[in-house]
Amino acid sequence: MRAMTGNSLALRKIRDEDAAAVLVAFSADPAMIRQGRVTDIDEAQRYIRTYTQIGAEHHGVAVVDALDTLVGMVGLDVYPADRRAWLYYWMNVSHRGRGWASLAVRSVADWALTDGGLERLELGHRADNLASGAIARRAGFILEGIERGKFFSEGQRVDVLTYGRLVSDPWPMRSPLPILQM
């Protein structure tokens, strides 16, 4: 692994050693429950195993800081026959608001649409999550529609905005993050 300095970020596969950082991220924000249940170190390890099993169609890309500490994740659920994937992401609450999530999502999307061999990426977010929509748009995703009442959350139906990014769509101009390992 190459050395990083300053506020450098990079991407790599999520790994077992990230369990403590995953637990910290999930513990810091109750809304992270939408990403899965992680309330102790065993659940953090199970969460990571979802992405590290050989042959799995779930890919977890760790967003790491200059010290190689996980600060976020971009996930891909790949559907090989369709050459597409569902993309999702999260950042530890302590690292939000810096533009890092959109840079990480854009970098993973660029990789998936080139070296990853995919032709279409999809994502969705709660209609009331304006920050997630901004991340998607900055990463080159185009709003495709609304799924009314898709999620059931806190006793009520919640609308979801859906986005897509095709290999043929215009690509964002900002340089991607370095990928240390995929």
N, C-alpha and C. Protein backbone atom coordinates (compact mmCIF):
# COMPACT_ATOMS: atom_id res chain seq x y z
N MET A 1 0.84 -1.17 0.00
CA MET A 1 0.00 0.00 0.00
C MET A 1 0.89 1.23 0.00
N ARG A 2 0.52 2.24 -0.78
CA ARG A 2 1.32 3.45 -0.85
C ARG A 2 1.02 4.35 0.34
N ALA A 3 1.99 5.16 0.70
CA ALA A 3 1.80 6.09 1.82
C ALA A 3 0.96 7.26 1.36
N MET A 4 0.12 7.77 2.26
CA MET A 4 -0.72 8.93 1.99
C MET A 4 -0.41 9.99 3.04
N THR A 5 -0.55 11.23 2.67
CA THR A 5 -0.29 12.31 3.61
C THR A 5 -1.47 13.26 3.66
N GLY A 6 -1.50 14.11 4.69
CA GLY A 6 -2.52 15.15 4.79
C GLY A 6 -3.91 14.56 4.90
N ASN A 7 -4.86 15.18 4.18
CA ASN A 7 -6.24 14.74 4.20
C ASN A 7 -6.55 13.78 3.06
N SER A 8 -5.56 13.05 2.60
CA SER A 8 -5.73 12.14 1.47
C SER A 8 -6.75 11.06 1.79
N LEU A 9 -7.48 10.71 0.76
CA LEU A 9 -8.42 9.60 0.84
C LEU A 9 -8.05 8.61 -0.24
N ALA A 10 -8.42 7.37 -0.02
CA ALA A 10 -8.22 6.34 -1.03
C ALA A 10 -9.33 5.30 -0.86
N LEU A 11 -9.39 4.39 -1.80
CA LEU A 11 -10.38 3.32 -1.79
C LEU A 11 -9.66 1.98 -1.78
N ARG A 12 -10.25 1.02 -1.09
CA ARG A 12 -9.74 -0.35 -1.08
C ARG A 12 -10.89 -1.26 -0.68
N LYS A 13 -10.68 -2.55 -0.83
CA LYS A 13 -11.68 -3.50 -0.37
C LYS A 13 -11.86 -3.35 1.14
N ILE A 14 -13.09 -3.52 1.58
CA ILE A 14 -13.33 -3.57 3.02
C ILE A 14 -12.75 -4.88 3.53
N ARG A 15 -12.24 -4.89 4.76
CA ARG A 15 -11.61 -6.09 5.29
C ARG A 15 -11.95 -6.26 6.77
N ASP A 16 -11.66 -7.44 7.28
CA ASP A 16 -12.01 -7.80 8.66
C ASP A 16 -11.52 -6.78 9.68
N GLU A 17 -10.34 -6.21 9.44
CA GLU A 17 -9.76 -5.26 10.38
C GLU A 17 -10.55 -3.96 10.48
N ASP A 18 -11.54 -3.76 9.60
CA ASP A 18 -12.36 -2.54 9.61
C ASP A 18 -13.54 -2.64 10.58
N ALA A 19 -13.70 -3.75 11.26
CA ALA A 19 -14.89 -3.97 12.08
C ALA A 19 -15.07 -2.88 13.15
N ALA A 20 -14.02 -2.50 13.83
CA ALA A 20 -14.16 -1.48 14.88
C ALA A 20 -14.62 -0.15 14.29
N ALA A 21 -14.08 0.23 13.12
CA ALA A 21 -14.48 1.48 12.49
C ALA A 21 -15.92 1.42 11.99
N VAL A 22 -16.36 0.25 11.51
CA VAL A 22 -17.75 0.08 11.10
C VAL A 22 -18.66 0.25 12.31
N LEU A 23 -18.31 -0.37 13.43
CA LEU A 23 -19.11 -0.23 14.64
C LEU A 23 -19.18 1.22 15.09
N VAL A 24 -18.08 1.94 15.05
CA VAL A 24 -18.08 3.36 15.43
C VAL A 24 -19.04 4.14 14.55
N ALA A 25 -18.99 3.92 13.24
CA ALA A 25 -19.86 4.65 12.31
C ALA A 25 -21.33 4.36 12.58
N PHE A 26 -21.67 3.10 12.78
CA PHE A 26 -23.06 2.75 13.03
C PHE A 26 -23.54 3.24 14.40
N SER A 27 -22.66 3.25 15.37
CA SER A 27 -23.02 3.71 16.71
C SER A 27 -23.21 5.22 16.78
N ALA A 28 -22.55 5.95 15.88
CA ALA A 28 -22.56 7.41 15.92
C ALA A 28 -23.84 8.02 15.34
N ASP A 29 -24.60 7.26 14.58
CA ASP A 29 -25.77 7.82 13.90
C ASP A 29 -26.88 6.78 13.84
N PRO A 30 -27.98 6.97 14.59
CA PRO A 30 -29.08 6.01 14.56
C PRO A 30 -29.67 5.78 13.17
N ALA A 31 -29.55 6.75 12.26
CA ALA A 31 -30.09 6.60 10.91
C ALA A 31 -29.32 5.56 10.10
N MET A 32 -28.15 5.16 10.57
CA MET A 32 -27.37 4.14 9.85
C MET A 32 -28.09 2.79 9.83
N ILE A 33 -29.12 2.62 10.62
CA ILE A 33 -29.88 1.37 10.63
C ILE A 33 -30.39 1.05 9.22
N ARG A 34 -30.57 2.08 8.39
CA ARG A 34 -31.01 1.83 7.00
C ARG A 34 -29.96 1.07 6.21
N GLN A 35 -28.71 1.07 6.68
CA GLN A 35 -27.63 0.35 6.00
C GLN A 35 -27.46 -1.07 6.52
N GLY A 36 -28.13 -1.37 7.59
CA GLY A 36 -28.01 -2.69 8.20
C GLY A 36 -27.93 -2.56 9.71
N ARG A 37 -27.96 -3.68 10.39
CA ARG A 37 -27.92 -3.68 11.85
C ARG A 37 -26.50 -3.97 12.32
N VAL A 38 -25.89 -3.02 13.00
CA VAL A 38 -24.57 -3.20 13.59
C VAL A 38 -24.59 -2.51 14.95
N THR A 39 -24.70 -3.33 16.00
CA THR A 39 -24.74 -2.77 17.36
C THR A 39 -23.61 -3.29 18.25
N ASP A 40 -22.83 -4.24 17.74
CA ASP A 40 -21.68 -4.74 18.50
C ASP A 40 -20.62 -5.23 17.50
N ILE A 41 -19.49 -5.62 18.01
CA ILE A 41 -18.37 -6.00 17.14
C ILE A 41 -18.68 -7.26 16.32
N ASP A 42 -19.45 -8.19 16.89
CA ASP A 42 -19.81 -9.40 16.14
C ASP A 42 -20.68 -9.05 14.93
N GLU A 43 -21.63 -8.14 15.12
CA GLU A 43 -22.47 -7.72 13.99
C GLU A 43 -21.64 -6.95 12.96
N ALA A 44 -20.67 -6.18 13.41
CA ALA A 44 -19.78 -5.46 12.48
C ALA A 44 -18.99 -6.47 11.64
N GLN A 45 -18.53 -7.53 12.27
CA GLN A 45 -17.79 -8.55 11.53
C GLN A 45 -18.69 -9.27 10.53
N ARG A 46 -19.94 -9.57 10.92
CA ARG A 46 -20.88 -10.20 9.99
C ARG A 46 -21.19 -9.27 8.82
N TYR A 47 -21.36 -7.98 9.12
CA TYR A 47 -21.61 -6.98 8.07
C TYR A 47 -20.47 -7.00 7.05
N ILE A 48 -19.25 -7.03 7.52
CA ILE A 48 -18.09 -7.04 6.63
C ILE A 48 -18.02 -8.34 5.84
N ARG A 49 -18.33 -9.46 6.47
CA ARG A 49 -18.29 -10.75 5.77
C ARG A 49 -19.24 -10.78 4.57
N THR A 50 -20.32 -10.02 4.62
CA THR A 50 -21.22 -9.91 3.48
C THR A 50 -20.46 -9.48 2.23
N TYR A 51 -19.43 -8.66 2.43
CA TYR A 51 -18.68 -8.08 1.32
C TYR A 51 -17.36 -8.78 1.04
N THR A 52 -16.95 -9.71 1.87
CA THR A 52 -15.64 -10.33 1.69
C THR A 52 -15.72 -11.80 1.29
N GLN A 53 -16.90 -12.34 1.19
CA GLN A 53 -17.04 -13.74 0.80
C GLN A 53 -16.64 -13.90 -0.66
N ILE A 54 -15.85 -14.90 -0.94
CA ILE A 54 -15.42 -15.17 -2.31
C ILE A 54 -16.63 -15.53 -3.16
N GLY A 55 -16.72 -14.89 -4.32
CA GLY A 55 -17.82 -15.16 -5.23
C GLY A 55 -19.08 -14.38 -4.93
N ALA A 56 -19.07 -13.60 -3.87
CA ALA A 56 -20.26 -12.82 -3.52
C ALA A 56 -20.50 -11.73 -4.56
N GLU A 57 -21.75 -11.39 -4.77
CA GLU A 57 -22.10 -10.32 -5.69
C GLU A 57 -22.19 -8.98 -4.97
N HIS A 58 -21.84 -8.96 -3.69
CA HIS A 58 -21.82 -7.72 -2.90
C HIS A 58 -20.38 -7.27 -2.76
N HIS A 59 -20.10 -6.06 -3.17
CA HIS A 59 -18.74 -5.53 -3.08
C HIS A 59 -18.73 -4.32 -2.16
N GLY A 60 -17.89 -4.36 -1.13
CA GLY A 60 -17.75 -3.25 -0.20
C GLY A 60 -16.43 -2.55 -0.44
N VAL A 61 -16.50 -1.29 -0.79
CA VAL A 61 -15.30 -0.51 -1.05
C VAL A 61 -15.14 0.47 0.12
N ALA A 62 -14.06 0.28 0.87
CA ALA A 62 -13.79 1.13 2.02
C ALA A 62 -13.24 2.47 1.55
N VAL A 63 -13.75 3.54 2.13
CA VAL A 63 -13.18 4.87 1.96
C VAL A 63 -12.27 5.06 3.16
N VAL A 64 -10.97 5.22 2.92
CA VAL A 64 -10.01 5.28 4.02
C VAL A 64 -9.26 6.61 4.01
N ASP A 65 -8.89 7.04 5.21
CA ASP A 65 -8.14 8.29 5.36
C ASP A 65 -6.64 8.02 5.23
N ALA A 66 -5.85 9.03 5.52
CA ALA A 66 -4.39 8.94 5.37
C ALA A 66 -3.77 7.88 6.27
N LEU A 67 -4.46 7.50 7.34
CA LEU A 67 -3.96 6.47 8.26
C LEU A 67 -4.54 5.09 7.93
N ASP A 68 -5.22 4.98 6.80
CA ASP A 68 -5.85 3.74 6.36
C ASP A 68 -6.99 3.32 7.28
N THR A 69 -7.64 4.29 7.91
CA THR A 69 -8.80 4.04 8.76
C THR A 69 -10.06 4.22 7.94
N LEU A 70 -10.96 3.26 8.01
CA LEU A 70 -12.22 3.34 7.30
C LEU A 70 -13.04 4.50 7.83
N VAL A 71 -13.48 5.39 6.92
CA VAL A 71 -14.34 6.52 7.30
C VAL A 71 -15.67 6.47 6.56
N GLY A 72 -15.81 5.53 5.63
CA GLY A 72 -17.04 5.39 4.88
C GLY A 72 -16.98 4.15 4.01
N MET A 73 -18.07 3.90 3.28
CA MET A 73 -18.11 2.74 2.41
C MET A 73 -19.02 3.01 1.23
N VAL A 74 -18.63 2.47 0.10
CA VAL A 74 -19.49 2.44 -1.09
C VAL A 74 -19.72 0.97 -1.40
N GLY A 75 -20.97 0.58 -1.51
CA GLY A 75 -21.30 -0.80 -1.80
C GLY A 75 -21.88 -0.95 -3.19
N LEU A 76 -21.64 -2.11 -3.77
CA LEU A 76 -22.21 -2.46 -5.07
C LEU A 76 -22.83 -3.84 -4.96
N ASP A 77 -24.10 -3.95 -5.29
CA ASP A 77 -24.74 -5.25 -5.46
C ASP A 77 -24.83 -5.47 -6.96
N VAL A 78 -24.04 -6.41 -7.47
CA VAL A 78 -23.87 -6.59 -8.90
C VAL A 78 -24.82 -7.66 -9.44
N TYR A 79 -25.40 -7.35 -10.60
CA TYR A 79 -26.24 -8.28 -11.35
C TYR A 79 -25.52 -8.54 -12.68
N PRO A 80 -24.62 -9.54 -12.69
CA PRO A 80 -23.73 -9.74 -13.84
C PRO A 80 -24.47 -9.95 -15.17
N ALA A 81 -25.56 -10.69 -15.17
CA ALA A 81 -26.27 -10.97 -16.42
C ALA A 81 -26.77 -9.67 -17.07
N ASP A 82 -27.09 -8.68 -16.26
CA ASP A 82 -27.58 -7.39 -16.78
C ASP A 82 -26.46 -6.36 -16.91
N ARG A 83 -25.25 -6.70 -16.47
CA ARG A 83 -24.12 -5.77 -16.45
C ARG A 83 -24.51 -4.46 -15.77
N ARG A 84 -25.16 -4.61 -14.59
CA ARG A 84 -25.58 -3.45 -13.81
C ARG A 84 -25.37 -3.73 -12.33
N ALA A 85 -25.45 -2.66 -11.55
CA ALA A 85 -25.32 -2.80 -10.10
C ALA A 85 -26.16 -1.75 -9.41
N TRP A 86 -26.58 -2.09 -8.20
CA TRP A 86 -27.22 -1.14 -7.29
C TRP A 86 -26.09 -0.61 -6.41
N LEU A 87 -25.95 0.69 -6.35
CA LEU A 87 -24.87 1.33 -5.60
C LEU A 87 -25.45 2.03 -4.38
N TYR A 88 -24.74 1.96 -3.27
CA TYR A 88 -25.17 2.63 -2.03
C TYR A 88 -23.92 3.06 -1.28
N TYR A 89 -24.11 3.95 -0.33
CA TYR A 89 -22.94 4.55 0.30
C TYR A 89 -23.29 5.09 1.68
N TRP A 90 -22.25 5.22 2.49
CA TRP A 90 -22.39 5.89 3.78
C TRP A 90 -21.03 6.45 4.20
N MET A 91 -21.09 7.49 5.01
CA MET A 91 -19.89 8.08 5.62
C MET A 91 -20.13 8.16 7.11
N ASN A 92 -19.08 7.96 7.87
CA ASN A 92 -19.17 8.17 9.31
C ASN A 92 -19.60 9.62 9.52
N VAL A 93 -20.52 9.84 10.43
CA VAL A 93 -21.04 11.19 10.67
C VAL A 93 -19.92 12.19 10.94
N SER A 94 -18.82 11.73 11.52
CA SER A 94 -17.69 12.62 11.82
C SER A 94 -16.95 13.08 10.57
N HIS A 95 -17.24 12.47 9.43
CA HIS A 95 -16.53 12.80 8.19
C HIS A 95 -17.47 13.32 7.09
N ARG A 96 -18.70 13.65 7.46
CA ARG A 96 -19.65 14.16 6.47
C ARG A 96 -19.43 15.66 6.25
N GLY A 97 -19.99 16.14 5.16
CA GLY A 97 -19.96 17.57 4.87
C GLY A 97 -18.66 18.07 4.26
N ARG A 98 -17.80 17.17 3.82
CA ARG A 98 -16.51 17.55 3.24
C ARG A 98 -16.43 17.26 1.75
N GLY A 99 -17.50 16.71 1.17
CA GLY A 99 -17.48 16.33 -0.24
C GLY A 99 -16.85 14.98 -0.50
N TRP A 100 -16.47 14.28 0.56
CA TRP A 100 -15.78 13.00 0.41
C TRP A 100 -16.70 11.91 -0.12
N ALA A 101 -17.95 11.91 0.32
CA ALA A 101 -18.87 10.87 -0.14
C ALA A 101 -19.09 10.95 -1.65
N SER A 102 -19.32 12.16 -2.17
CA SER A 102 -19.55 12.27 -3.61
C SER A 102 -18.30 11.89 -4.39
N LEU A 103 -17.13 12.23 -3.87
CA LEU A 103 -15.89 11.85 -4.54
C LEU A 103 -15.70 10.34 -4.53
N ALA A 104 -16.00 9.70 -3.40
CA ALA A 104 -15.88 8.25 -3.30
C ALA A 104 -16.89 7.55 -4.21
N VAL A 105 -18.14 8.02 -4.21
CA VAL A 105 -19.17 7.41 -5.06
C VAL A 105 -18.80 7.57 -6.53
N ARG A 106 -18.37 8.76 -6.88
CA ARG A 106 -17.97 9.00 -8.28
C ARG A 106 -16.81 8.09 -8.67
N SER A 107 -15.82 7.92 -7.79
CA SER A 107 -14.65 7.10 -8.10
C SER A 107 -15.03 5.63 -8.27
N VAL A 108 -15.88 5.12 -7.39
CA VAL A 108 -16.33 3.73 -7.50
C VAL A 108 -17.18 3.55 -8.75
N ALA A 109 -18.04 4.52 -9.04
CA ALA A 109 -18.87 4.44 -10.25
C ALA A 109 -18.00 4.43 -11.50
N ASP A 110 -17.00 5.31 -11.54
CA ASP A 110 -16.09 5.34 -12.69
C ASP A 110 -15.42 3.98 -12.87
N TRP A 111 -14.94 3.40 -11.77
CA TRP A 111 -14.29 2.09 -11.83
C TRP A 111 -15.28 1.02 -12.32
N ALA A 112 -16.49 1.02 -11.75
CA ALA A 112 -17.48 0.00 -12.10
C ALA A 112 -17.86 0.06 -13.58
N LEU A 113 -17.89 1.27 -14.14
CA LEU A 113 -18.29 1.45 -15.54
C LEU A 113 -17.12 1.30 -16.51
N THR A 114 -15.93 1.04 -15.98
CA THR A 114 -14.77 0.77 -16.85
C THR A 114 -14.23 -0.60 -16.49
N ASP A 115 -13.28 -0.65 -15.58
CA ASP A 115 -12.64 -1.92 -15.21
C ASP A 115 -13.61 -2.94 -14.63
N GLY A 116 -14.69 -2.47 -14.01
CA GLY A 116 -15.68 -3.38 -13.43
C GLY A 116 -16.58 -4.03 -14.46
N GLY A 117 -16.55 -3.56 -15.70
CA GLY A 117 -17.30 -4.19 -16.78
C GLY A 117 -18.80 -3.95 -16.76
N LEU A 118 -19.29 -3.00 -15.97
CA LEU A 118 -20.72 -2.74 -15.90
C LEU A 118 -21.11 -1.64 -16.89
N GLU A 119 -22.41 -1.61 -17.22
CA GLU A 119 -22.92 -0.61 -18.16
C GLU A 119 -23.95 0.31 -17.54
N ARG A 120 -24.50 -0.07 -16.38
CA ARG A 120 -25.53 0.73 -15.72
C ARG A 120 -25.38 0.59 -14.22
N LEU A 121 -25.49 1.74 -13.54
CA LEU A 121 -25.51 1.78 -12.08
C LEU A 121 -26.81 2.45 -11.65
N GLU A 122 -27.34 1.98 -10.54
CA GLU A 122 -28.59 2.53 -10.00
C GLU A 122 -28.39 2.84 -8.53
N LEU A 123 -29.12 3.84 -8.05
CA LEU A 123 -29.15 4.10 -6.62
C LEU A 123 -30.45 4.80 -6.29
N GLY A 124 -30.77 4.81 -5.02
CA GLY A 124 -31.97 5.49 -4.56
C GLY A 124 -31.75 6.04 -3.16
N HIS A 125 -32.52 7.07 -2.83
CA HIS A 125 -32.45 7.64 -1.48
C HIS A 125 -33.81 8.18 -1.09
N ARG A 126 -34.02 8.28 0.20
CA ARG A 126 -35.25 8.87 0.71
C ARG A 126 -35.41 10.27 0.12
N ALA A 127 -36.61 10.61 -0.28
CA ALA A 127 -36.86 11.92 -0.90
C ALA A 127 -36.50 13.08 0.02
N ASP A 128 -36.55 12.85 1.33
CA ASP A 128 -36.22 13.93 2.27
C ASP A 128 -34.73 14.00 2.61
N ASN A 129 -33.92 13.17 1.99
CA ASN A 129 -32.48 13.17 2.25
C ASN A 129 -31.79 13.97 1.14
N LEU A 130 -31.80 15.30 1.29
CA LEU A 130 -31.26 16.18 0.26
C LEU A 130 -29.76 15.98 0.06
N ALA A 131 -29.03 15.69 1.14
CA ALA A 131 -27.59 15.50 1.03
C ALA A 131 -27.26 14.30 0.15
N SER A 132 -28.02 13.23 0.28
CA SER A 132 -27.77 12.04 -0.52
C SER A 132 -28.03 12.32 -2.00
N GLY A 133 -29.04 13.10 -2.29
CA GLY A 133 -29.32 13.48 -3.67
C GLY A 133 -28.19 14.30 -4.27
N ALA A 134 -27.64 15.21 -3.49
CA ALA A 134 -26.52 16.02 -3.96
C ALA A 134 -25.30 15.14 -4.25
N ILE A 135 -25.06 14.16 -3.40
CA ILE A 135 -23.95 13.23 -3.61
C ILE A 135 -24.14 12.50 -4.94
N ALA A 136 -25.34 11.99 -5.17
CA ALA A 136 -25.62 11.25 -6.40
C ALA A 136 -25.39 12.12 -7.63
N ARG A 137 -25.92 13.33 -7.62
CA ARG A 137 -25.78 14.20 -8.79
C ARG A 137 -24.32 14.59 -9.04
N ARG A 138 -23.57 14.89 -7.98
CA ARG A 138 -22.15 15.24 -8.15
C ARG A 138 -21.33 14.05 -8.66
N ALA A 139 -21.83 12.84 -8.41
CA ALA A 139 -21.14 11.63 -8.88
C ALA A 139 -21.57 11.22 -10.29
N GLY A 140 -22.37 12.07 -10.95
CA GLY A 140 -22.74 11.81 -12.33
C GLY A 140 -24.03 11.03 -12.52
N PHE A 141 -24.79 10.80 -11.46
CA PHE A 141 -26.06 10.08 -11.57
C PHE A 141 -27.16 11.05 -12.00
N ILE A 142 -28.10 10.54 -12.78
CA ILE A 142 -29.20 11.34 -13.31
C ILE A 142 -30.49 10.86 -12.66
N LEU A 143 -31.27 11.81 -12.16
CA LEU A 143 -32.56 11.49 -11.54
C LEU A 143 -33.47 10.86 -12.58
N GLU A 144 -34.01 9.70 -12.26
CA GLU A 144 -34.88 8.98 -13.20
C GLU A 144 -36.33 8.94 -12.75
N GLY A 145 -36.57 9.11 -11.46
CA GLY A 145 -37.96 9.06 -11.04
C GLY A 145 -38.14 8.97 -9.54
N ILE A 146 -39.38 8.80 -9.16
CA ILE A 146 -39.75 8.69 -7.75
C ILE A 146 -40.53 7.39 -7.57
N GLU A 147 -40.19 6.67 -6.53
CA GLU A 147 -40.94 5.48 -6.16
C GLU A 147 -41.75 5.85 -4.92
N ARG A 148 -43.04 6.04 -5.14
CA ARG A 148 -43.90 6.53 -4.07
C ARG A 148 -44.08 5.47 -2.99
N GLY A 149 -43.88 5.89 -1.74
CA GLY A 149 -44.12 5.00 -0.61
C GLY A 149 -43.29 3.73 -0.61
N LYS A 150 -42.09 3.76 -1.15
CA LYS A 150 -41.28 2.54 -1.26
C LYS A 150 -40.84 1.99 0.09
N PHE A 151 -40.35 2.86 0.97
CA PHE A 151 -39.86 2.41 2.27
C PHE A 151 -40.93 2.63 3.33
N PHE A 152 -40.94 1.74 4.32
CA PHE A 152 -41.77 1.92 5.51
C PHE A 152 -40.82 2.26 6.64
N SER A 153 -40.89 3.49 7.14
CA SER A 153 -39.94 3.95 8.14
C SER A 153 -40.65 4.73 9.22
N GLU A 154 -40.39 4.35 10.46
CA GLU A 154 -40.96 5.04 11.62
C GLU A 154 -42.47 5.19 11.51
N GLY A 155 -43.13 4.11 11.06
CA GLY A 155 -44.59 4.07 11.02
C GLY A 155 -45.24 4.73 9.82
N GLN A 156 -44.46 5.14 8.83
CA GLN A 156 -45.07 5.76 7.65
C GLN A 156 -44.33 5.38 6.37
N ARG A 157 -45.04 5.49 5.25
CA ARG A 157 -44.46 5.22 3.94
C ARG A 157 -43.60 6.41 3.53
N VAL A 158 -42.46 6.14 2.91
CA VAL A 158 -41.52 7.18 2.51
C VAL A 158 -41.20 7.04 1.02
N ASP A 159 -41.26 8.15 0.31
CA ASP A 159 -40.92 8.16 -1.11
C ASP A 159 -39.41 8.05 -1.29
N VAL A 160 -39.00 7.44 -2.41
CA VAL A 160 -37.60 7.27 -2.74
C VAL A 160 -37.35 7.85 -4.13
N LEU A 161 -36.29 8.65 -4.25
CA LEU A 161 -35.87 9.16 -5.54
C LEU A 161 -34.84 8.19 -6.11
N THR A 162 -35.01 7.82 -7.39
CA THR A 162 -34.11 6.86 -8.01
C THR A 162 -33.28 7.55 -9.10
N TYR A 163 -32.05 7.09 -9.21
CA TYR A 163 -31.07 7.66 -10.14
C TYR A 163 -30.42 6.53 -10.92
N GLY A 164 -29.88 6.88 -12.07
CA GLY A 164 -29.11 5.94 -12.86
C GLY A 164 -27.90 6.63 -13.45
N ARG A 165 -26.90 5.82 -13.74
CA ARG A 165 -25.73 6.32 -14.46
C ARG A 165 -25.33 5.24 -15.46
N LEU A 166 -25.31 5.62 -16.72
CA LEU A 166 -24.93 4.71 -17.80
C LEU A 166 -23.50 4.98 -18.21
N VAL A 167 -22.86 3.97 -18.75
CA VAL A 167 -21.50 4.14 -19.23
C VAL A 167 -21.45 5.23 -20.31
N SER A 168 -22.56 5.45 -21.02
CA SER A 168 -22.61 6.44 -22.09
C SER A 168 -22.98 7.85 -21.61
N ASP A 169 -23.32 8.02 -20.34
CA ASP A 169 -23.66 9.35 -19.80
C ASP A 169 -22.41 10.22 -19.69
N PRO A 170 -22.58 11.55 -19.67
CA PRO A 170 -21.43 12.43 -19.43
C PRO A 170 -20.81 12.11 -18.06
N TRP A 171 -19.49 12.14 -17.99
CA TRP A 171 -18.78 11.82 -16.76
C TRP A 171 -18.37 13.09 -16.04
N PRO A 172 -18.44 13.10 -14.71
CA PRO A 172 -17.95 14.24 -13.95
C PRO A 172 -16.47 14.47 -14.24
N MET A 173 -16.03 15.72 -14.15
CA MET A 173 -14.67 16.06 -14.53
C MET A 173 -13.63 15.91 -13.41
N ARG A 174 -14.05 15.89 -12.17
CA ARG A 174 -13.10 15.83 -11.07
C ARG A 174 -12.32 14.52 -11.06
N SER A 175 -11.05 14.59 -10.72
CA SER A 175 -10.21 13.40 -10.67
C SER A 175 -10.70 12.42 -9.60
N PRO A 176 -10.69 11.13 -9.92
CA PRO A 176 -11.15 10.14 -8.95
C PRO A 176 -10.11 9.89 -7.84
N LEU A 177 -10.58 9.25 -6.78
CA LEU A 177 -9.70 8.84 -5.70
C LEU A 177 -8.82 7.68 -6.16
N PRO A 178 -7.63 7.56 -5.58
CA PRO A 178 -6.81 6.38 -5.92
C PRO A 178 -7.46 5.11 -5.37
N ILE A 179 -7.38 4.07 -6.16
CA ILE A 179 -7.88 2.77 -5.74
C ILE A 179 -6.68 1.91 -5.40
N LEU A 180 -6.55 1.58 -4.13
CA LEU A 180 -5.40 0.83 -3.66
C LEU A 180 -5.55 -0.66 -3.91
N GLN A 181 -6.80 -1.11 -3.95
CA GLN A 181 -7.05 -2.56 -4.07
C GLN A 181 -8.51 -2.75 -4.37
N MET A 182 -8.81 -3.58 -5.35
CA MET A 182 -10.21 -3.90 -5.65
C MET A 182 -10.36 -5.37 -5.88
